[in-house]
Amino acid sequence: MLFNPKDPKTWGCFRPLIIAHDVGRSRDRSTAVIGGLAAFDPNLIGIQEAHEFPQGLYGSARASALATIDRRYESEGLIVADLSNDPTYAEVLHETFGPRVIGLQISRHGDGTNFERRPVKHSAMLVYTVGRSYLLDSFRSLLQSGQVRIVDDRQPDALMSS
């Protein structure tokens, strides 16, 4: 596949590779979005793919599904997980992935610069607070400025594979 700066599937690698883990509740599904900073341009963010997990996965079963995806990327990615609805999931994630996990607490307020150290087995995990509006506005701004690239849009199912 030829290199195309507009298509993250052709980039070869991300520096760092990031797996964003949106943790679903009882009525929706959890997802893993894989991407990161472009190795050739650190101001460019690529989203290579996304995986939607089966509905009804909780705790270690959800972490196990995430680990399957993580292994496809040689278990080297930074995992950023939404812990807003289940703070106890931090313990399971830390047990599964170790110190590569960073938590997010999505709330009404926050710009992602404040964090707390949440105790997890024999260690602590950093959990950053970010406001939902701030998060969405930042993402929209990055999209509008062309700093975020998503896999070739001619493939509508390219992002959602299970």
N, C-alpha and C. Protein backbone atom coordinates (compact mmCIF):
# COMPACT_ATOMS: atom_id res chain seq x y z
N MET A 1 0.85 -1.17 0.00
CA MET A 1 0.00 0.00 0.00
C MET A 1 0.89 1.24 0.00
N LEU A 2 0.64 2.16 -0.89
CA LEU A 2 1.43 3.38 -0.99
C LEU A 2 1.08 4.36 0.12
N PHE A 3 2.09 5.09 0.57
CA PHE A 3 1.90 6.09 1.62
C PHE A 3 0.99 7.21 1.11
N ASN A 4 0.00 7.56 1.92
CA ASN A 4 -0.90 8.66 1.63
C ASN A 4 -1.11 9.42 2.93
N PRO A 5 -0.65 10.67 3.02
CA PRO A 5 -0.77 11.42 4.28
C PRO A 5 -2.22 11.65 4.73
N LYS A 6 -3.18 11.43 3.83
CA LYS A 6 -4.58 11.61 4.19
C LYS A 6 -5.24 10.33 4.70
N ASP A 7 -4.55 9.19 4.57
CA ASP A 7 -5.12 7.90 4.96
C ASP A 7 -4.26 7.22 6.01
N PRO A 8 -4.68 7.24 7.28
CA PRO A 8 -3.89 6.65 8.36
C PRO A 8 -3.56 5.16 8.18
N LYS A 9 -4.34 4.43 7.38
CA LYS A 9 -4.01 3.01 7.15
C LYS A 9 -2.67 2.85 6.46
N THR A 10 -2.20 3.89 5.78
CA THR A 10 -0.93 3.81 5.03
C THR A 10 0.26 4.37 5.81
N TRP A 11 0.04 4.86 7.01
CA TRP A 11 1.10 5.54 7.76
C TRP A 11 2.15 4.60 8.32
N GLY A 12 1.82 3.36 8.55
CA GLY A 12 2.81 2.42 9.08
C GLY A 12 2.85 2.37 10.60
N CYS A 13 2.88 3.52 11.27
CA CYS A 13 2.93 3.51 12.73
C CYS A 13 2.46 4.85 13.27
N PHE A 14 2.17 4.84 14.55
CA PHE A 14 1.81 6.06 15.27
C PHE A 14 2.81 6.21 16.41
N ARG A 15 3.11 7.44 16.79
CA ARG A 15 4.04 7.70 17.89
C ARG A 15 3.43 8.70 18.85
N PRO A 16 2.81 8.34 19.92
CA PRO A 16 2.55 6.98 20.39
C PRO A 16 1.26 6.42 19.78
N LEU A 17 1.15 5.11 19.82
CA LEU A 17 -0.10 4.44 19.48
C LEU A 17 -1.03 4.63 20.68
N ILE A 18 -2.26 5.03 20.41
CA ILE A 18 -3.23 5.25 21.48
C ILE A 18 -4.47 4.41 21.20
N ILE A 19 -4.93 3.72 22.21
CA ILE A 19 -6.20 3.00 22.13
C ILE A 19 -7.14 3.72 23.09
N ALA A 20 -8.11 4.44 22.51
CA ALA A 20 -9.11 5.14 23.32
C ALA A 20 -10.25 4.16 23.59
N HIS A 21 -10.56 3.97 24.84
CA HIS A 21 -11.55 2.97 25.24
C HIS A 21 -12.76 3.66 25.85
N ASP A 22 -13.85 3.70 25.07
CA ASP A 22 -15.11 4.25 25.57
C ASP A 22 -15.86 3.10 26.21
N VAL A 23 -16.14 3.22 27.48
CA VAL A 23 -16.77 2.14 28.23
C VAL A 23 -18.27 2.33 28.22
N GLY A 24 -18.97 1.39 27.58
CA GLY A 24 -20.42 1.45 27.48
C GLY A 24 -21.09 1.07 28.77
N ARG A 25 -22.32 1.51 28.89
CA ARG A 25 -23.15 1.13 30.04
C ARG A 25 -24.04 -0.01 29.61
N SER A 26 -25.12 -0.25 30.32
CA SER A 26 -25.96 -1.42 30.04
C SER A 26 -26.69 -1.35 28.70
N ARG A 27 -26.97 -0.16 28.20
CA ARG A 27 -27.74 -0.04 26.96
C ARG A 27 -26.89 0.22 25.72
N ASP A 28 -25.62 0.52 25.87
CA ASP A 28 -24.79 0.76 24.70
C ASP A 28 -23.55 -0.12 24.74
N ARG A 29 -22.76 -0.03 23.72
CA ARG A 29 -21.59 -0.90 23.58
C ARG A 29 -20.31 -0.14 23.91
N SER A 30 -19.33 -0.86 24.40
CA SER A 30 -18.01 -0.29 24.59
C SER A 30 -17.29 -0.31 23.25
N THR A 31 -16.36 0.60 23.07
CA THR A 31 -15.59 0.65 21.83
C THR A 31 -14.12 0.85 22.14
N ALA A 32 -13.30 0.52 21.15
CA ALA A 32 -11.87 0.81 21.19
C ALA A 32 -11.55 1.51 19.88
N VAL A 33 -10.99 2.71 19.96
CA VAL A 33 -10.60 3.48 18.78
C VAL A 33 -9.09 3.53 18.76
N ILE A 34 -8.49 3.09 17.64
CA ILE A 34 -7.05 2.96 17.54
C ILE A 34 -6.49 4.03 16.62
N GLY A 35 -5.47 4.71 17.10
CA GLY A 35 -4.82 5.75 16.31
C GLY A 35 -3.69 6.37 17.10
N GLY A 36 -3.42 7.61 16.82
CA GLY A 36 -2.37 8.31 17.55
C GLY A 36 -1.76 9.41 16.71
N LEU A 37 -0.61 9.87 17.15
CA LEU A 37 0.10 10.93 16.44
C LEU A 37 0.87 10.34 15.27
N ALA A 38 0.87 11.06 14.16
CA ALA A 38 1.61 10.62 12.98
C ALA A 38 3.10 10.72 13.24
N ALA A 39 3.85 9.67 12.91
CA ALA A 39 5.30 9.68 13.12
C ALA A 39 5.97 10.74 12.25
N PHE A 40 5.38 11.08 11.11
CA PHE A 40 5.99 12.05 10.20
C PHE A 40 5.55 13.49 10.48
N ASP A 41 4.53 13.67 11.33
CA ASP A 41 4.05 15.01 11.68
C ASP A 41 3.33 14.94 13.02
N PRO A 42 3.98 15.33 14.12
CA PRO A 42 3.38 15.20 15.45
C PRO A 42 2.16 16.10 15.68
N ASN A 43 1.85 16.98 14.73
CA ASN A 43 0.65 17.81 14.85
C ASN A 43 -0.56 17.18 14.17
N LEU A 44 -0.37 15.99 13.62
CA LEU A 44 -1.42 15.30 12.90
C LEU A 44 -1.85 14.05 13.67
N ILE A 45 -3.15 13.87 13.84
CA ILE A 45 -3.71 12.74 14.57
C ILE A 45 -4.41 11.84 13.57
N GLY A 46 -4.11 10.55 13.63
CA GLY A 46 -4.76 9.60 12.74
C GLY A 46 -5.63 8.65 13.53
N ILE A 47 -6.79 8.35 12.96
CA ILE A 47 -7.67 7.34 13.52
C ILE A 47 -7.73 6.23 12.48
N GLN A 48 -7.14 5.10 12.83
CA GLN A 48 -7.00 4.00 11.89
C GLN A 48 -8.21 3.08 11.86
N GLU A 49 -8.74 2.77 13.03
CA GLU A 49 -9.88 1.87 13.08
C GLU A 49 -10.57 1.96 14.43
N ALA A 50 -11.77 1.40 14.47
CA ALA A 50 -12.54 1.33 15.70
C ALA A 50 -13.20 -0.03 15.79
N HIS A 51 -13.32 -0.52 17.00
CA HIS A 51 -13.97 -1.81 17.23
C HIS A 51 -15.07 -1.62 18.25
N GLU A 52 -16.23 -2.12 17.93
CA GLU A 52 -17.37 -2.08 18.83
C GLU A 52 -17.48 -3.45 19.47
N PHE A 53 -17.52 -3.49 20.80
CA PHE A 53 -17.61 -4.76 21.52
C PHE A 53 -19.06 -5.20 21.63
N PRO A 54 -19.28 -6.48 21.84
CA PRO A 54 -20.66 -6.95 22.04
C PRO A 54 -21.27 -6.27 23.27
N GLN A 55 -22.56 -6.07 23.21
CA GLN A 55 -23.27 -5.44 24.32
C GLN A 55 -23.26 -6.39 25.52
N GLY A 56 -23.21 -5.82 26.71
CA GLY A 56 -23.31 -6.61 27.92
C GLY A 56 -21.99 -7.13 28.47
N LEU A 57 -20.85 -6.65 27.94
CA LEU A 57 -19.56 -7.05 28.51
C LEU A 57 -19.23 -6.16 29.70
N TYR A 58 -18.80 -6.77 30.79
CA TYR A 58 -18.44 -6.02 31.99
C TYR A 58 -17.13 -6.53 32.54
N GLY A 59 -16.46 -5.68 33.31
CA GLY A 59 -15.27 -6.08 34.06
C GLY A 59 -14.21 -6.79 33.24
N SER A 60 -13.81 -7.97 33.72
CA SER A 60 -12.71 -8.68 33.09
C SER A 60 -13.04 -9.16 31.68
N ALA A 61 -14.31 -9.44 31.38
CA ALA A 61 -14.70 -9.84 30.01
C ALA A 61 -14.48 -8.68 29.04
N ARG A 62 -14.82 -7.46 29.47
CA ARG A 62 -14.59 -6.28 28.64
C ARG A 62 -13.11 -6.02 28.47
N ALA A 63 -12.35 -6.12 29.55
CA ALA A 63 -10.90 -5.92 29.48
C ALA A 63 -10.24 -6.98 28.60
N SER A 64 -10.76 -8.20 28.63
CA SER A 64 -10.24 -9.27 27.79
C SER A 64 -10.47 -8.98 26.31
N ALA A 65 -11.65 -8.45 25.98
CA ALA A 65 -11.93 -8.06 24.58
C ALA A 65 -10.98 -6.95 24.14
N LEU A 66 -10.71 -6.01 25.03
CA LEU A 66 -9.77 -4.93 24.72
C LEU A 66 -8.35 -5.49 24.56
N ALA A 67 -7.99 -6.46 25.38
CA ALA A 67 -6.65 -7.07 25.30
C ALA A 67 -6.45 -7.79 23.96
N THR A 68 -7.50 -8.38 23.41
CA THR A 68 -7.41 -9.03 22.10
C THR A 68 -7.01 -8.01 21.04
N ILE A 69 -7.61 -6.85 21.08
CA ILE A 69 -7.26 -5.78 20.13
C ILE A 69 -5.87 -5.27 20.42
N ASP A 70 -5.53 -5.08 21.68
CA ASP A 70 -4.22 -4.59 22.07
C ASP A 70 -3.10 -5.50 21.55
N ARG A 71 -3.32 -6.80 21.59
CA ARG A 71 -2.31 -7.75 21.11
C ARG A 71 -2.05 -7.60 19.60
N ARG A 72 -3.04 -7.18 18.86
CA ARG A 72 -2.86 -6.94 17.42
C ARG A 72 -1.84 -5.84 17.17
N TYR A 73 -1.65 -5.00 18.17
CA TYR A 73 -0.70 -3.90 18.07
C TYR A 73 0.50 -4.13 19.00
N GLU A 74 0.82 -5.40 19.21
CA GLU A 74 1.97 -5.84 20.01
C GLU A 74 1.98 -5.32 21.43
N SER A 75 0.81 -5.02 21.97
CA SER A 75 0.66 -4.58 23.36
C SER A 75 1.59 -3.43 23.72
N GLU A 76 1.69 -2.47 22.81
CA GLU A 76 2.58 -1.33 23.03
C GLU A 76 1.85 0.00 23.16
N GLY A 77 0.53 -0.02 22.97
CA GLY A 77 -0.21 1.23 22.97
C GLY A 77 -0.50 1.78 24.35
N LEU A 78 -0.70 3.07 24.38
CA LEU A 78 -1.17 3.75 25.57
C LEU A 78 -2.69 3.60 25.57
N ILE A 79 -3.27 3.17 26.65
CA ILE A 79 -4.71 2.95 26.72
C ILE A 79 -5.32 4.06 27.55
N VAL A 80 -6.23 4.81 26.92
CA VAL A 80 -6.93 5.90 27.59
C VAL A 80 -8.38 5.47 27.73
N ALA A 81 -8.80 5.25 28.97
CA ALA A 81 -10.12 4.65 29.23
C ALA A 81 -11.05 5.60 29.96
N ASP A 82 -12.29 5.63 29.52
CA ASP A 82 -13.35 6.40 30.17
C ASP A 82 -13.82 5.63 31.41
N LEU A 83 -13.55 6.19 32.57
CA LEU A 83 -13.95 5.56 33.83
C LEU A 83 -15.12 6.28 34.49
N SER A 84 -15.82 7.09 33.73
CA SER A 84 -16.88 7.94 34.27
C SER A 84 -18.00 7.16 34.94
N ASN A 85 -18.40 6.03 34.37
CA ASN A 85 -19.55 5.31 34.88
C ASN A 85 -19.19 4.12 35.75
N ASP A 86 -17.93 3.74 35.77
CA ASP A 86 -17.52 2.57 36.57
C ASP A 86 -16.09 2.75 37.07
N PRO A 87 -15.91 3.48 38.16
CA PRO A 87 -14.56 3.71 38.68
C PRO A 87 -13.83 2.43 39.07
N THR A 88 -14.56 1.37 39.39
CA THR A 88 -13.92 0.11 39.79
C THR A 88 -13.25 -0.59 38.60
N TYR A 89 -13.62 -0.20 37.38
CA TYR A 89 -13.03 -0.79 36.18
C TYR A 89 -11.53 -0.45 36.09
N ALA A 90 -11.10 0.61 36.75
CA ALA A 90 -9.68 0.99 36.77
C ALA A 90 -8.83 -0.16 37.30
N GLU A 91 -9.31 -0.82 38.32
CA GLU A 91 -8.59 -1.95 38.93
C GLU A 91 -8.40 -3.08 37.91
N VAL A 92 -9.46 -3.41 37.19
CA VAL A 92 -9.40 -4.49 36.19
C VAL A 92 -8.45 -4.10 35.06
N LEU A 93 -8.54 -2.85 34.60
CA LEU A 93 -7.65 -2.39 33.52
C LEU A 93 -6.19 -2.42 33.94
N HIS A 94 -5.93 -1.96 35.17
CA HIS A 94 -4.55 -1.95 35.64
C HIS A 94 -4.01 -3.37 35.77
N GLU A 95 -4.84 -4.27 36.24
CA GLU A 95 -4.42 -5.67 36.37
C GLU A 95 -4.12 -6.28 34.99
N THR A 96 -4.89 -5.90 33.97
CA THR A 96 -4.73 -6.45 32.63
C THR A 96 -3.60 -5.80 31.86
N PHE A 97 -3.46 -4.47 31.96
CA PHE A 97 -2.52 -3.73 31.09
C PHE A 97 -1.38 -3.04 31.85
N GLY A 98 -1.45 -3.01 33.15
CA GLY A 98 -0.38 -2.38 33.92
C GLY A 98 -0.39 -0.86 33.79
N PRO A 99 0.79 -0.25 33.88
CA PRO A 99 0.87 1.21 33.93
C PRO A 99 0.60 1.91 32.60
N ARG A 100 0.26 1.17 31.53
CA ARG A 100 -0.05 1.81 30.24
C ARG A 100 -1.42 2.46 30.22
N VAL A 101 -2.21 2.32 31.28
CA VAL A 101 -3.58 2.83 31.30
C VAL A 101 -3.63 4.21 31.94
N ILE A 102 -4.33 5.11 31.28
CA ILE A 102 -4.64 6.43 31.83
C ILE A 102 -6.16 6.54 31.85
N GLY A 103 -6.70 7.02 32.95
CA GLY A 103 -8.15 7.14 33.06
C GLY A 103 -8.65 8.52 32.72
N LEU A 104 -9.89 8.57 32.24
CA LEU A 104 -10.60 9.82 32.00
C LEU A 104 -11.88 9.81 32.81
N GLN A 105 -12.14 10.92 33.46
CA GLN A 105 -13.41 11.13 34.15
C GLN A 105 -14.10 12.24 33.38
N ILE A 106 -15.11 11.89 32.60
CA ILE A 106 -15.82 12.88 31.80
C ILE A 106 -16.95 13.44 32.65
N SER A 107 -16.95 14.78 32.79
CA SER A 107 -17.91 15.43 33.68
C SER A 107 -18.44 16.70 33.02
N ARG A 108 -19.01 17.56 33.81
CA ARG A 108 -19.53 18.83 33.28
C ARG A 108 -18.42 19.85 33.03
N HIS A 109 -17.36 19.76 33.79
CA HIS A 109 -16.31 20.78 33.71
C HIS A 109 -14.94 20.11 33.66
N GLY A 110 -13.98 20.84 33.15
CA GLY A 110 -12.60 20.38 33.14
C GLY A 110 -11.99 20.46 31.75
N ASP A 111 -10.67 20.72 31.74
CA ASP A 111 -9.97 20.83 30.46
C ASP A 111 -8.91 19.74 30.29
N GLY A 112 -8.96 18.73 31.14
CA GLY A 112 -8.02 17.62 31.03
C GLY A 112 -6.65 17.88 31.63
N THR A 113 -6.46 19.00 32.31
CA THR A 113 -5.16 19.27 32.91
C THR A 113 -5.09 18.85 34.38
N ASN A 114 -6.25 18.67 35.01
CA ASN A 114 -6.27 18.25 36.41
C ASN A 114 -6.45 16.74 36.49
N PHE A 115 -5.73 16.14 37.41
CA PHE A 115 -5.81 14.69 37.56
C PHE A 115 -5.80 14.32 39.03
N GLU A 116 -6.17 13.10 39.28
CA GLU A 116 -6.04 12.52 40.61
C GLU A 116 -5.33 11.18 40.46
N ARG A 117 -4.69 10.77 41.50
CA ARG A 117 -4.07 9.44 41.52
C ARG A 117 -5.03 8.50 42.22
N ARG A 118 -5.59 7.58 41.44
CA ARG A 118 -6.52 6.61 42.03
C ARG A 118 -5.75 5.36 42.40
N PRO A 119 -5.94 4.91 43.63
CA PRO A 119 -5.25 3.69 44.05
C PRO A 119 -5.75 2.48 43.26
N VAL A 120 -4.81 1.69 42.80
CA VAL A 120 -5.08 0.38 42.20
C VAL A 120 -4.07 -0.57 42.82
N LYS A 121 -4.31 -1.83 42.73
CA LYS A 121 -3.49 -2.84 43.39
C LYS A 121 -1.99 -2.51 43.35
N HIS A 122 -1.39 -2.25 44.49
CA HIS A 122 0.04 -1.99 44.66
C HIS A 122 0.56 -0.80 43.84
N SER A 123 -0.33 0.10 43.39
CA SER A 123 0.10 1.21 42.56
C SER A 123 -0.97 2.30 42.56
N ALA A 124 -0.89 3.18 41.56
CA ALA A 124 -1.91 4.22 41.36
C ALA A 124 -2.04 4.48 39.88
N MET A 125 -3.23 4.93 39.49
CA MET A 125 -3.50 5.26 38.09
C MET A 125 -3.85 6.74 38.03
N LEU A 126 -3.32 7.44 37.03
CA LEU A 126 -3.70 8.83 36.82
C LEU A 126 -5.06 8.86 36.14
N VAL A 127 -5.96 9.69 36.67
CA VAL A 127 -7.29 9.86 36.09
C VAL A 127 -7.50 11.36 35.90
N TYR A 128 -7.67 11.77 34.65
CA TYR A 128 -7.83 13.17 34.28
C TYR A 128 -9.31 13.50 34.16
N THR A 129 -9.68 14.70 34.60
CA THR A 129 -11.06 15.16 34.49
C THR A 129 -11.18 16.10 33.30
N VAL A 130 -12.17 15.80 32.45
CA VAL A 130 -12.40 16.63 31.26
C VAL A 130 -13.92 16.80 31.09
N GLY A 131 -14.31 18.02 30.76
CA GLY A 131 -15.72 18.31 30.53
C GLY A 131 -16.16 17.76 29.18
N ARG A 132 -17.37 17.26 29.13
CA ARG A 132 -17.92 16.70 27.89
C ARG A 132 -17.91 17.75 26.77
N SER A 133 -18.37 18.97 27.07
CA SER A 133 -18.38 20.03 26.06
C SER A 133 -16.98 20.38 25.60
N TYR A 134 -16.04 20.45 26.54
CA TYR A 134 -14.66 20.75 26.19
C TYR A 134 -14.09 19.67 25.26
N LEU A 135 -14.35 18.43 25.58
CA LEU A 135 -13.88 17.30 24.79
C LEU A 135 -14.44 17.36 23.36
N LEU A 136 -15.74 17.54 23.25
CA LEU A 136 -16.37 17.59 21.93
C LEU A 136 -15.95 18.82 21.13
N ASP A 137 -15.86 19.97 21.78
CA ASP A 137 -15.43 21.19 21.08
C ASP A 137 -13.99 21.06 20.59
N SER A 138 -13.13 20.46 21.40
CA SER A 138 -11.72 20.26 21.00
C SER A 138 -11.63 19.33 19.79
N PHE A 139 -12.40 18.25 19.82
CA PHE A 139 -12.39 17.31 18.71
C PHE A 139 -12.92 17.97 17.43
N ARG A 140 -14.01 18.71 17.55
CA ARG A 140 -14.58 19.41 16.39
C ARG A 140 -13.58 20.39 15.82
N SER A 141 -12.88 21.13 16.66
CA SER A 141 -11.88 22.09 16.22
C SER A 141 -10.73 21.39 15.47
N LEU A 142 -10.27 20.26 16.00
CA LEU A 142 -9.21 19.50 15.33
C LEU A 142 -9.67 18.97 13.98
N LEU A 143 -10.91 18.51 13.90
CA LEU A 143 -11.46 18.03 12.63
C LEU A 143 -11.53 19.17 11.61
N GLN A 144 -12.05 20.32 12.03
CA GLN A 144 -12.20 21.46 11.12
C GLN A 144 -10.87 22.00 10.63
N SER A 145 -9.84 21.91 11.47
CA SER A 145 -8.53 22.42 11.06
C SER A 145 -7.73 21.40 10.25
N GLY A 146 -8.29 20.21 10.06
CA GLY A 146 -7.60 19.19 9.27
C GLY A 146 -6.51 18.45 10.02
N GLN A 147 -6.47 18.58 11.34
CA GLN A 147 -5.44 17.92 12.13
C GLN A 147 -5.78 16.48 12.48
N VAL A 148 -7.01 16.06 12.20
CA VAL A 148 -7.42 14.68 12.44
C VAL A 148 -7.72 14.04 11.10
N ARG A 149 -7.13 12.87 10.88
CA ARG A 149 -7.39 12.11 9.65
C ARG A 149 -7.97 10.77 10.04
N ILE A 150 -9.04 10.40 9.37
CA ILE A 150 -9.70 9.12 9.60
C ILE A 150 -9.50 8.28 8.35
N VAL A 151 -9.47 6.96 8.50
CA VAL A 151 -9.24 6.09 7.35
C VAL A 151 -10.07 6.52 6.15
N ASP A 152 -9.60 6.18 5.00
CA ASP A 152 -10.19 6.55 3.71
C ASP A 152 -11.72 6.50 3.78
N ASP A 153 -12.35 7.65 3.58
CA ASP A 153 -13.81 7.72 3.73
C ASP A 153 -14.58 7.05 2.60
N ARG A 154 -13.89 6.53 1.59
CA ARG A 154 -14.58 5.78 0.55
C ARG A 154 -14.96 4.40 1.04
N GLN A 155 -14.47 4.02 2.21
CA GLN A 155 -14.77 2.72 2.80
C GLN A 155 -15.64 2.97 4.04
N PRO A 156 -16.96 3.06 3.88
CA PRO A 156 -17.80 3.44 5.01
C PRO A 156 -17.72 2.50 6.21
N ASP A 157 -17.41 1.24 5.99
CA ASP A 157 -17.32 0.31 7.12
C ASP A 157 -15.91 0.16 7.66
N ALA A 158 -14.97 0.95 7.14
CA ALA A 158 -13.57 0.80 7.54
C ALA A 158 -13.36 1.05 9.02
N LEU A 159 -14.12 1.97 9.61
CA LEU A 159 -13.93 2.25 11.03
C LEU A 159 -14.64 1.27 11.94
N MET A 160 -15.72 0.71 11.51
CA MET A 160 -16.48 -0.15 12.42
C MET A 160 -16.36 -1.60 12.00
N SER A 161 -15.42 -2.30 12.60
CA SER A 161 -15.29 -3.73 12.36
C SER A 161 -15.35 -4.43 13.70
N SER A 162 -15.96 -5.60 13.74
CA SER A 162 -16.08 -6.27 15.02
C SER A 162 -15.28 -7.52 15.08
